[in-house]
Amino acid sequence: MNALMRRGNLFDDFFHDVAPGFYVKPLHGDPLPSPSQIKIDVKETEAGYTVHAEVPGVSKEEIQVSLDGSVVTLRAEVKQQDSTGKDEKSLRSERYLGAVSRSFQLPQDIDPAQAKAKYDNGVLTLTLPKKVVAGGVQRLAID
């Protein structure tokens, strides 16, 4: 069974080998995702961009999307906690709270008034129309 591949990183393996009793992984739930673990797909059309972001295990009330020009910021708060029933006694309770955010820049500014977001089955879908620039080339007056 030890021949099976397992996920981890170099530091996890190092600390596990050096001090196996010191480095203890959480007993409850998944660890807080790093910004690189919010996987995104970005597609461009003439009208705008479509972004699909994987944010599993988070309710839509705990997700925030911010638009600033061409910069999109995704922020999610992760809250995991154990609960006990009426006839149970809690011997150990571990709560896992934290937040993760990821920002990326698109090639063109976004029209925030027309932007839409939808969250379904752990996937956040953003429809981000490009901001229409009136006129074409504009000349600046020199003072």
Protein backbone atom coordinates (compact mmCIF):
# COMPACT_ATOMS: atom_id res chain seq x y z
CA MET A 1 0.00 0.00 0.00
CA ASN A 2 2.93 2.39 0.50
CA ALA A 3 3.55 2.36 -3.23
CA LEU A 4 0.43 4.47 -3.81
CA MET A 5 1.01 8.07 -4.85
CA ARG A 6 -0.16 10.70 -2.40
CA ARG A 7 -0.49 14.41 -2.72
CA GLY A 8 1.66 16.72 -0.66
CA ASN A 9 4.62 18.96 -0.96
CA LEU A 10 8.29 18.78 -0.13
CA PHE A 11 7.96 20.54 3.23
CA ASP A 12 5.15 18.25 4.41
CA ASP A 13 7.35 15.23 3.69
CA PHE A 14 10.40 16.84 5.32
CA PHE A 15 8.65 17.74 8.58
CA HIS A 16 6.89 14.38 8.70
CA ASP A 17 10.25 12.58 8.41
CA VAL A 18 12.18 14.85 10.81
CA ALA A 19 9.58 15.21 13.58
CA PRO A 20 6.56 13.00 12.93
CA GLY A 21 4.85 13.87 16.22
CA PHE A 22 5.41 17.62 15.92
CA TYR A 23 3.81 18.34 12.56
CA VAL A 24 0.17 17.31 12.82
CA LYS A 25 -2.28 17.82 9.99
CA PRO A 26 -5.81 18.96 10.88
CA LEU A 27 -8.22 16.23 11.90
CA HIS A 28 -11.23 18.06 10.57
CA GLY A 29 -12.07 19.07 7.02
CA ASP A 30 -9.82 20.22 4.26
CA PRO A 31 -7.10 22.78 4.77
CA LEU A 32 -7.68 26.34 3.63
CA PRO A 33 -7.09 26.55 -0.12
CA SER A 34 -4.23 28.68 -1.33
CA PRO A 35 -4.89 31.35 -3.98
CA SER A 36 -3.43 29.04 -6.63
CA GLN A 37 -6.02 26.40 -5.69
CA ILE A 38 -8.87 28.62 -6.90
CA LYS A 39 -8.66 27.30 -10.43
CA ILE A 40 -9.97 29.65 -13.11
CA ASP A 41 -10.72 29.44 -16.81
CA VAL A 42 -11.01 32.71 -18.73
CA LYS A 43 -12.53 32.92 -22.20
CA GLU A 44 -12.76 36.03 -24.38
CA THR A 45 -15.31 37.01 -26.99
CA GLU A 46 -15.74 40.31 -28.81
CA ALA A 47 -18.34 41.39 -26.26
CA GLY A 48 -16.54 40.40 -23.07
CA TYR A 49 -15.04 37.70 -20.88
CA THR A 50 -16.42 34.59 -19.22
CA VAL A 51 -14.67 33.37 -16.08
CA HIS A 52 -15.26 29.98 -14.46
CA ALA A 53 -13.73 29.68 -10.97
CA GLU A 54 -13.76 26.56 -8.80
CA VAL A 55 -14.64 27.50 -5.22
CA PRO A 56 -15.91 24.23 -3.68
CA GLY A 57 -17.22 23.96 -0.15
CA VAL A 58 -18.13 27.64 0.17
CA SER A 59 -21.65 29.06 0.20
CA LYS A 60 -22.45 31.87 -2.22
CA GLU A 61 -22.95 34.28 0.70
CA GLU A 62 -19.27 33.83 1.62
CA ILE A 63 -17.96 34.74 -1.86
CA GLN A 64 -17.13 38.31 -2.86
CA VAL A 65 -16.26 39.51 -6.35
CA SER A 66 -14.70 42.94 -6.86
CA LEU A 67 -14.10 44.71 -10.17
CA ASP A 68 -11.66 47.60 -10.48
CA GLY A 69 -11.10 48.55 -14.10
CA SER A 70 -9.60 45.43 -15.62
CA VAL A 71 -8.70 43.77 -12.30
CA VAL A 72 -10.98 41.04 -10.96
CA THR A 73 -10.66 39.92 -7.33
CA LEU A 74 -12.28 36.78 -5.95
CA ARG A 75 -12.48 36.36 -2.17
CA ALA A 76 -13.96 33.43 -0.26
CA GLU A 77 -14.32 32.81 3.46
CA VAL A 78 -14.04 29.20 4.58
CA LYS A 79 -15.90 28.24 7.75
CA GLN A 80 -15.93 24.66 8.97
CA GLN A 81 -17.11 23.62 12.39
CA ASP A 82 -18.22 20.51 14.21
CA SER A 83 -21.62 20.27 15.81
CA THR A 84 -22.89 17.95 18.48
CA GLY A 85 -26.39 16.69 19.19
CA LYS A 86 -28.49 17.13 22.33
CA ASP A 87 -27.35 13.85 23.91
CA GLU A 88 -23.67 14.23 23.05
CA LYS A 89 -20.79 15.62 25.03
CA SER A 90 -18.07 17.45 23.13
CA LEU A 91 -14.60 16.15 24.01
CA ARG A 92 -12.75 18.06 21.35
CA SER A 93 -13.97 20.78 19.02
CA GLU A 94 -11.92 22.08 16.13
CA ARG A 95 -13.02 24.99 14.05
CA TYR A 96 -11.42 25.98 10.81
CA LEU A 97 -11.83 29.59 9.74
CA GLY A 98 -9.99 31.56 7.13
CA ALA A 99 -10.17 33.50 3.90
CA VAL A 100 -8.52 33.19 0.53
CA SER A 101 -8.44 35.65 -2.34
CA ARG A 102 -7.12 35.74 -5.86
CA SER A 103 -6.76 38.66 -8.27
CA PHE A 104 -6.06 38.70 -11.97
CA GLN A 105 -5.99 41.34 -14.67
CA LEU A 106 -7.85 41.16 -17.96
CA PRO A 107 -6.63 42.85 -21.15
CA GLN A 108 -9.47 45.39 -21.21
CA ASP A 109 -11.60 47.25 -18.65
CA ILE A 110 -14.87 45.69 -17.52
CA ASP A 111 -18.29 47.38 -17.48
CA PRO A 112 -19.32 46.77 -13.83
CA ALA A 113 -22.94 47.83 -14.44
CA GLN A 114 -23.46 44.94 -16.89
CA ALA A 115 -21.39 42.28 -15.07
CA LYS A 116 -23.15 39.16 -13.73
CA ALA A 117 -22.15 36.37 -11.35
CA LYS A 118 -23.70 32.93 -10.82
CA TYR A 119 -22.65 30.22 -8.34
CA ASP A 120 -23.71 26.61 -8.90
CA ASN A 121 -22.23 23.34 -7.53
CA GLY A 122 -18.92 24.87 -6.45
CA VAL A 123 -18.31 26.76 -9.71
CA LEU A 124 -18.55 30.54 -9.88
CA THR A 125 -19.38 31.82 -13.37
CA LEU A 126 -18.71 35.49 -14.13
CA THR A 127 -19.99 37.21 -17.27
CA LEU A 128 -17.90 40.35 -17.68
CA PRO A 129 -18.73 42.61 -20.66
CA LYS A 130 -16.00 44.85 -22.00
CA LYS A 131 -16.33 48.55 -21.35
CA VAL A 132 -17.23 50.35 -24.56
CA VAL A 133 -14.92 53.25 -25.32
CA ALA A 134 -16.80 56.08 -26.99
CA GLY A 135 -15.26 57.50 -30.07
CA GLY A 136 -12.03 55.79 -31.02
CA VAL A 137 -8.92 57.88 -30.88
CA GLN A 138 -9.11 60.93 -28.67
CA ARG A 139 -6.74 63.87 -28.93
CA LEU A 140 -5.55 65.61 -25.83
CA ALA A 141 -5.24 69.40 -25.68
CA ILE A 142 -1.75 70.56 -24.84
CA ASP A 143 -1.57 73.38 -22.31
